[in-house]
Protein backbone atom coordinates (compact mmCIF):
# COMPACT_ATOMS: atom_id res chain seq x y z
CA MET A 1 0.00 0.00 0.00
CA SER A 2 1.39 3.39 -1.01
CA THR A 3 1.66 6.55 1.09
CA ILE A 4 1.22 9.82 -0.79
CA LEU A 5 3.76 12.48 0.07
CA SER A 6 2.49 15.82 1.35
CA ALA A 7 2.03 18.83 -0.88
CA ASP A 8 5.06 20.58 0.64
CA HIS A 9 7.45 17.67 0.09
CA PRO A 10 10.32 18.77 -2.23
CA LEU A 11 9.46 16.09 -4.78
CA VAL A 12 5.83 17.21 -4.86
CA ASP A 13 6.20 21.00 -4.90
CA GLY A 14 8.88 20.74 -7.60
CA ARG A 15 12.00 21.83 -5.73
CA THR A 16 13.91 18.59 -6.31
CA ALA A 17 11.77 16.69 -8.82
CA ASP A 18 14.17 17.44 -11.69
CA ALA A 19 17.43 17.63 -9.74
CA PRO A 20 20.24 15.72 -11.50
CA LEU A 21 20.66 13.34 -8.54
CA VAL A 22 16.94 12.53 -8.41
CA ARG A 23 16.83 12.06 -12.19
CA ALA A 24 19.85 9.73 -12.00
CA SER A 25 18.13 7.68 -9.31
CA ARG A 26 15.35 7.11 -11.87
CA GLY A 27 17.84 6.04 -14.53
CA GLN A 28 17.78 9.37 -16.39
CA ARG A 29 20.83 11.39 -17.36
CA SER A 30 21.07 15.17 -17.06
CA GLU A 31 23.33 17.78 -18.57
CA THR A 32 25.15 17.95 -15.24
CA LEU A 33 26.63 14.83 -13.64
CA PRO A 34 25.43 14.63 -10.04
CA VAL A 35 28.13 14.21 -7.41
CA TRP A 36 28.10 13.86 -3.64
CA PHE A 37 30.39 12.16 -1.12
CA MET A 38 29.62 9.48 1.42
CA ARG A 39 30.49 10.75 4.89
CA GLN A 40 30.61 14.25 3.45
CA ALA A 41 28.73 15.69 6.43
CA GLY A 42 31.66 16.85 8.50
CA ARG A 43 34.59 14.45 8.55
CA SER A 44 37.24 16.63 6.93
CA LEU A 45 35.72 20.09 7.41
CA PRO A 46 37.32 22.41 9.99
CA GLU A 47 33.95 24.13 10.51
CA TYR A 48 32.50 20.73 11.43
CA ARG A 49 35.24 20.00 13.96
CA GLU A 50 34.80 23.45 15.48
CA LEU A 51 31.05 22.93 15.79
CA ARG A 52 31.53 19.53 17.44
CA VAL A 53 33.96 20.65 20.16
CA GLY A 54 32.79 19.23 23.48
CA ILE A 55 29.78 17.45 21.96
CA ASP A 56 29.61 13.67 21.68
CA MET A 57 28.86 12.21 18.26
CA LEU A 58 25.46 10.75 19.14
CA ASP A 59 24.48 13.88 21.04
CA SER A 60 25.26 15.96 17.96
CA CYS A 61 23.03 13.68 15.88
CA LEU A 62 20.10 14.23 18.23
CA ARG A 63 20.26 18.03 18.39
CA PRO A 64 18.11 19.04 15.40
CA GLU A 65 19.65 22.46 14.74
CA LEU A 66 23.17 21.05 15.05
CA ALA A 67 22.48 18.02 12.85
CA SER A 68 20.91 20.29 10.25
CA GLU A 69 23.83 22.70 10.23
CA ILE A 70 26.34 19.87 9.84
CA THR A 71 24.30 18.43 6.96
CA LEU A 72 24.35 21.80 5.20
CA GLN A 73 28.06 22.55 5.65
CA PRO A 74 29.36 20.36 2.77
CA VAL A 75 26.70 21.72 0.41
CA ARG A 76 27.84 25.27 1.10
CA ARG A 77 31.51 24.36 0.98
CA HIS A 78 31.65 21.98 -2.00
CA GLY A 79 28.55 22.68 -4.08
CA VAL A 80 27.60 18.98 -4.16
CA ASP A 81 24.35 17.85 -5.79
CA GLY A 82 22.96 16.08 -2.74
CA ALA A 83 23.06 16.58 1.03
CA VAL A 84 23.31 13.36 2.99
CA PHE A 85 21.56 13.67 6.33
CA PHE A 86 23.98 13.90 9.24
CA SER A 87 23.34 11.04 11.60
CA ASP A 88 24.76 7.61 12.38
CA ILE A 89 23.50 4.12 11.64
CA VAL A 90 23.20 3.39 15.39
CA VAL A 91 20.99 6.43 16.10
CA PRO A 92 17.71 4.46 15.75
CA LEU A 93 19.00 1.96 18.31
CA LYS A 94 19.94 4.80 20.65
CA LEU A 95 16.48 6.31 20.27
CA VAL A 96 14.75 3.07 21.29
CA GLY A 97 16.88 2.89 24.42
CA ILE A 98 19.73 0.56 23.46
CA ASP A 99 22.89 1.37 25.44
CA VAL A 100 25.35 2.35 22.71
CA ASP A 101 28.14 4.89 22.54
CA ILE A 102 30.51 5.90 19.76
CA VAL A 103 34.03 5.70 21.14
CA PRO A 104 36.49 8.02 19.32
CA GLY A 105 39.00 6.01 17.33
CA ARG A 106 37.00 2.82 17.70
CA GLY A 107 33.37 3.24 16.67
CA PRO A 108 30.01 2.05 18.07
CA VAL A 109 30.28 0.09 21.31
CA PHE A 110 27.29 -1.70 22.88
CA ALA A 111 27.13 -2.25 26.63
CA ASN A 112 25.03 -5.42 26.29
CA PRO A 113 25.91 -7.47 23.20
CA ILE A 114 23.29 -9.84 21.81
CA ARG A 115 24.76 -13.33 21.79
CA THR A 116 21.98 -15.89 22.45
CA PRO A 117 18.48 -16.69 21.18
CA GLU A 118 17.16 -15.41 24.51
CA ASP A 119 18.97 -12.09 23.95
CA VAL A 120 17.44 -11.88 20.49
CA ARG A 121 13.90 -12.52 21.71
CA GLU A 122 14.24 -9.85 24.39
CA PHE A 123 15.70 -7.38 21.90
CA ALA A 124 13.03 -8.02 19.26
CA ALA A 125 10.24 -7.66 21.82
CA ARG A 126 11.73 -4.40 23.01
CA LEU A 127 11.84 -2.97 19.50
CA ARG A 128 8.25 -4.01 18.78
CA GLY A 129 7.18 -2.03 21.82
CA GLU A 130 9.34 1.03 21.21
CA THR A 131 9.22 2.00 17.54
CA ARG A 132 6.70 4.79 18.05
CA PRO A 133 6.90 7.73 15.61
CA GLU A 134 7.40 10.26 18.40
CA LEU A 135 10.72 8.59 19.28
CA PHE A 136 12.09 9.89 15.97
CA ALA A 137 10.91 13.47 16.53
CA PRO A 138 14.48 14.91 16.68
CA ILE A 139 15.21 13.31 13.31
CA ALA A 140 12.05 14.65 11.71
CA GLU A 141 12.78 18.14 13.04
CA ALA A 142 16.38 18.07 11.80
CA VAL A 143 15.33 16.91 8.33
CA ALA A 144 12.62 19.56 8.09
CA LEU A 145 15.06 22.31 9.11
CA THR A 146 17.57 21.08 6.53
CA VAL A 147 15.12 20.76 3.64
CA ALA A 148 13.89 24.30 4.29
CA GLU A 149 17.43 25.55 3.58
CA LEU A 150 18.39 23.26 0.69
CA GLY A 151 16.09 24.60 -2.00
CA SER A 152 16.61 22.55 -5.18
CA THR A 153 19.35 20.37 -3.66
CA PRO A 154 17.86 17.00 -2.64
CA LEU A 155 18.36 15.57 0.82
CA ILE A 156 19.53 11.96 0.92
CA GLY A 157 18.12 10.07 3.88
CA PHE A 158 19.96 7.01 5.09
CA ALA A 159 19.89 4.01 7.36
CA GLY A 160 22.13 1.10 8.25
CA ALA A 161 21.45 -2.27 6.67
CA PRO A 162 20.36 -5.07 9.02
CA PHE A 163 23.52 -7.17 8.67
CA THR A 164 25.89 -4.34 9.56
CA LEU A 165 23.82 -3.26 12.55
CA ALA A 166 23.32 -6.85 13.70
CA ALA A 167 27.04 -7.49 13.41
CA TYR A 168 27.77 -4.52 15.69
CA LEU A 169 25.15 -5.70 18.17
CA VAL A 170 26.41 -9.27 18.32
CA GLU A 171 30.10 -8.38 18.42
CA GLY A 172 29.52 -5.56 20.90
CA GLY A 173 31.51 -3.21 18.68
CA PRO A 174 33.60 -3.07 15.51
CA SER A 175 35.15 -6.30 14.26
CA LYS A 176 37.36 -7.23 11.32
CA ASP A 177 35.84 -10.65 10.68
CA HIS A 178 32.45 -10.65 12.48
CA LEU A 179 32.97 -14.21 13.68
CA ARG A 180 30.40 -14.04 16.48
CA ALA A 181 27.75 -12.63 14.17
CA ARG A 182 28.46 -15.15 11.44
CA GLY A 183 28.56 -17.90 14.07
CA LEU A 184 25.11 -16.93 15.38
CA MET A 185 23.87 -16.85 11.79
CA ARG A 186 24.93 -20.46 11.27
CA ALA A 187 24.30 -21.94 14.72
CA GLU A 188 20.94 -20.24 15.39
CA PRO A 189 19.43 -19.30 12.01
CA GLU A 190 15.97 -18.68 13.44
CA ALA A 191 17.34 -16.33 16.09
CA TRP A 192 19.49 -14.59 13.50
CA ASN A 193 16.53 -14.06 11.19
CA GLU A 194 14.47 -12.67 14.06
CA LEU A 195 17.28 -10.26 14.95
CA ALA A 196 17.79 -9.16 11.35
CA ARG A 197 14.08 -8.63 10.78
CA ALA A 198 13.68 -6.56 13.95
CA ILE A 199 16.55 -4.31 12.88
CA ALA A 200 15.20 -4.13 9.32
CA GLU A 201 11.86 -2.84 10.60
CA LEU A 202 13.67 -0.25 12.74
CA SER A 203 15.71 0.89 9.72
CA ALA A 204 12.49 1.10 7.70
CA ALA A 205 10.95 3.34 10.36
CA PHE A 206 14.08 5.50 10.39
CA LEU A 207 13.88 5.94 6.61
CA GLU A 208 10.16 6.64 6.79
CA THR A 209 10.74 9.50 9.23
CA GLN A 210 13.30 11.09 6.91
CA ILE A 211 11.14 10.62 3.80
CA LEU A 212 8.01 12.13 5.36
CA ALA A 213 10.06 15.08 6.64
CA GLY A 214 11.46 15.81 3.17
CA ALA A 215 14.18 13.42 1.99
CA SER A 216 14.06 13.01 -1.80
CA VAL A 217 16.26 9.89 -2.07
CA VAL A 218 17.46 7.35 0.50
CA GLN A 219 20.52 5.15 0.82
CA LEU A 220 20.95 1.87 2.70
CA PHE A 221 24.52 1.34 3.94
CA ASP A 222 25.83 -2.20 4.45
CA SER A 223 29.40 -1.60 5.57
CA TRP A 224 30.22 -5.22 6.40
CA ALA A 225 28.33 -7.27 3.79
CA GLY A 226 31.57 -7.79 1.87
CA SER A 227 32.66 -10.31 4.51
CA LEU A 228 29.95 -12.74 3.37
CA SER A 229 29.76 -15.34 0.63
CA ARG A 230 27.03 -15.03 -1.99
CA GLU A 231 25.20 -18.04 -0.56
CA VAL A 232 25.20 -16.65 2.97
CA TYR A 233 24.17 -13.21 1.74
CA ARG A 234 21.27 -14.61 -0.26
CA THR A 235 19.90 -16.81 2.50
CA SER A 236 20.68 -14.86 5.67
CA VAL A 237 20.94 -11.17 4.72
CA ALA A 238 19.05 -10.31 1.53
CA PRO A 239 15.55 -10.99 2.96
CA SER A 240 16.04 -8.48 5.78
CA SER A 241 17.76 -5.88 3.61
CA ALA A 242 14.77 -5.98 1.29
CA ILE A 243 12.46 -4.76 4.08
CA PRO A 244 13.61 -1.12 4.44
CA LEU A 245 14.15 -0.79 0.68
CA ALA A 246 10.66 -2.08 -0.06
CA HIS A 247 9.17 0.21 2.57
CA ALA A 248 10.90 3.28 1.14
CA ALA A 249 9.43 2.48 -2.26
CA THR A 250 5.87 2.74 -0.90
CA PHE A 251 6.15 6.52 -0.61
CA GLU A 252 5.19 8.39 -3.75
CA THR A 253 4.05 11.72 -5.14
CA PRO A 254 0.43 12.31 -6.17
CA ALA A 255 1.65 11.82 -9.75
CA GLY A 256 2.89 8.32 -8.87
CA GLU A 257 6.64 9.02 -8.75
CA ARG A 258 8.00 6.94 -5.89
CA ILE A 259 10.97 7.52 -3.63
CA ARG A 260 14.12 5.96 -5.10
CA SER A 261 16.83 4.21 -3.11
CA ILE A 262 20.57 3.57 -3.32
CA HIS A 263 22.09 0.40 -1.89
CA PHE A 264 25.78 0.42 -1.01
CA GLY A 265 28.21 -2.03 0.56
CA VAL A 266 31.97 -2.21 0.97
CA GLY A 267 33.84 -5.06 -0.73
CA THR A 268 30.65 -6.27 -2.35
CA GLY A 269 31.73 -6.64 -5.98
CA GLU A 270 30.72 -10.32 -6.01
CA LEU A 271 27.41 -9.49 -4.33
CA LEU A 272 26.24 -6.69 -6.65
CA ALA A 273 23.55 -8.70 -8.41
CA ASP A 274 22.27 -10.14 -5.14
CA MET A 275 22.24 -6.72 -3.48
CA HIS A 276 20.32 -5.20 -6.36
CA GLU A 277 17.75 -7.98 -6.20
CA THR A 278 16.82 -6.82 -2.69
CA GLY A 279 14.99 -3.92 -4.30
CA GLY A 280 17.22 -0.83 -4.46
CA ASP A 281 17.04 1.39 -7.56
CA VAL A 282 20.68 2.52 -7.73
CA GLN A 283 23.55 0.20 -6.95
CA GLY A 284 26.47 1.77 -5.13
CA VAL A 285 29.86 0.39 -6.21
CA ASP A 286 33.05 0.60 -4.17
CA ASP A 287 36.45 1.26 -5.72
CA ARG A 288 37.44 -2.42 -6.07
CA ILE A 289 35.52 -3.03 -9.30
CA PRO A 290 35.33 -0.81 -12.44
CA LEU A 291 31.95 0.70 -13.19
CA ASP A 292 31.77 -0.80 -16.67
CA GLU A 293 32.21 -4.25 -15.14
CA ALA A 294 29.54 -3.44 -12.57
CA ALA A 295 27.27 -2.35 -15.42
CA ARG A 296 27.95 -5.62 -17.22
CA ARG A 297 26.82 -7.52 -14.14
CA LEU A 298 23.81 -5.22 -13.67
CA PRO A 299 22.48 -4.32 -17.11
CA GLY A 300 20.08 -1.41 -17.09
CA VAL A 301 20.78 -0.43 -13.47
CA PRO A 302 21.87 3.12 -12.49
CA LEU A 303 25.20 3.10 -10.64
CA GLN A 304 26.86 5.22 -7.98
CA GLY A 305 30.59 5.50 -7.43
CA ASN A 306 33.43 4.92 -7.46
CA ILE A 307 36.42 7.24 -7.19
CA ASP A 308 39.24 5.70 -5.17
CA PRO A 309 39.50 7.78 -1.94
CA ALA A 310 43.30 7.36 -2.08
CA THR A 311 43.43 9.57 -5.18
CA LEU A 312 42.32 12.51 -3.02
CA PHE A 313 45.93 12.52 -1.79
CA ALA A 314 47.59 12.08 -5.20
CA GLY A 315 47.31 15.63 -6.55
CA ASP A 316 44.68 17.18 -8.78
CA ALA A 317 46.18 15.93 -12.05
CA VAL A 318 46.03 12.28 -10.96
CA LEU A 319 42.67 12.68 -9.20
CA HIS A 320 41.01 14.35 -12.17
CA GLU A 321 42.38 11.87 -14.70
CA HIS A 322 41.15 9.00 -12.50
CA THR A 323 37.77 10.71 -12.18
CA ARG A 324 37.56 11.14 -15.95
CA GLU A 325 38.15 7.38 -16.31
CA VAL A 326 35.50 6.58 -13.70
CA VAL A 327 33.01 8.74 -15.57
CA ARG A 328 33.97 7.15 -18.89
CA ARG A 329 33.33 3.68 -17.48
CA GLY A 330 30.10 4.92 -15.94
CA GLN A 331 28.77 5.52 -19.45
CA ALA A 332 27.95 1.82 -19.53
CA ALA A 333 25.13 2.42 -17.02
CA PRO A 334 21.88 4.21 -17.89
CA ALA A 335 22.70 6.86 -15.27
CA HIS A 336 25.63 7.60 -12.99
CA ILE A 337 25.86 9.35 -9.62
CA VAL A 338 29.51 10.26 -9.06
CA ASN A 339 30.82 9.46 -5.60
CA LEU A 340 33.82 7.98 -3.85
CA GLY A 341 34.16 4.22 -3.58
CA HIS A 342 33.91 4.65 0.19
CA GLY A 343 33.63 7.52 2.68
CA VAL A 344 35.62 10.75 2.79
CA PRO A 345 38.81 10.14 4.81
CA PRO A 346 38.98 12.55 7.79
CA GLU A 347 42.45 13.62 6.63
CA ALA A 348 41.25 14.74 3.20
CA ASP A 349 41.85 18.37 2.22
CA PRO A 350 38.43 20.04 1.81
CA THR A 351 39.74 22.23 -1.01
CA VAL A 352 40.58 19.07 -2.98
CA LEU A 353 36.98 17.92 -2.64
CA THR A 354 35.66 21.32 -3.73
CA ARG A 355 37.88 21.30 -6.81
CA LEU A 356 36.79 17.72 -7.55
CA VAL A 357 33.12 18.75 -7.55
CA GLU A 358 33.95 21.64 -9.87
CA PHE A 359 35.82 19.26 -12.18
CA VAL A 360 32.98 16.71 -12.28
CA HIS A 361 30.60 19.51 -13.22
CA THR A 362 32.76 20.31 -16.27
CA LEU A 363 32.25 16.78 -17.61
CA PRO A 364 29.23 16.21 -19.84
CA GLY A 365 26.34 14.42 -18.20
CA ASP A 366 26.26 11.80 -20.95
CA GLY A 367 29.67 10.60 -19.71
CA ALA A 368 31.53 11.41 -22.93
CA ALA A 369 34.64 12.44 -21.06
């Protein structure tokens, strides 16, 4: 069942309906190639670091005016074609009362990891009782504040994919190999599926809040899916990832134009077809696989990516030549959203990113670079 977006939504009142990024998400090319950067909200910007002094990461995500300002900073600085909402994938868990903190230099750390079927049942029951819309009020307010300032620049809402969030919950924090999570997946498949579904429904609610408040496109991040085989991904991850993507697609304009989604994972070259089958419209591609090869594996699918973040440190001549090649290979897809193959490194020089956006905007939107 579809939900019709309100008359003041940017896709409905016309502010973002024809923006290059929105058009690309529909598989349509524009004169201007759309470009934005994952983790662009802050990270390398001195104005972001100044704003965050003395404020914890999760606290900054839950202060609407602060989250809005941080979201807007890269748009003002770089002139990117999309603003990705400043938040964190663990924010929905924090909002429903899960004890989580982001430890500088380490990442999300959970006080009470979920390790047993009993833990899973308790967690799932808690989420079923706590996912009330009012819990996401700070997110809705921050999105609304941001959209009011963005004008024709679309806001990209986002959420964490169930596997990545479940891996954090089971491990208790970041892990290189996710052995506990993968072990639970194999030893207790029913418990794993219950955990993944509960998180999927939370991510769907998080996306819904951002869409209703004004997001024009959404992205599902699956940072750790690249650690899985295709078989495991298909059987134990894809069904839950499909839930938030399918939910996002139920929101549409009165004219019948639905919200489009981007699905991205790190190290997922061998999973691209399986990830796309979960229901996303645009497939994000990291920097380990050329875009023309990704297009060969996904005929007819719009792509996002995939500038190697390392080239940000190689000088403009190397960076721009590499970008030209990325755009050339991106011609193989019906549409191309230019991005890095992963997030902006905190050490990146902001002026390099600004010049990169300017360079991308000199390239023809048809990719004939």
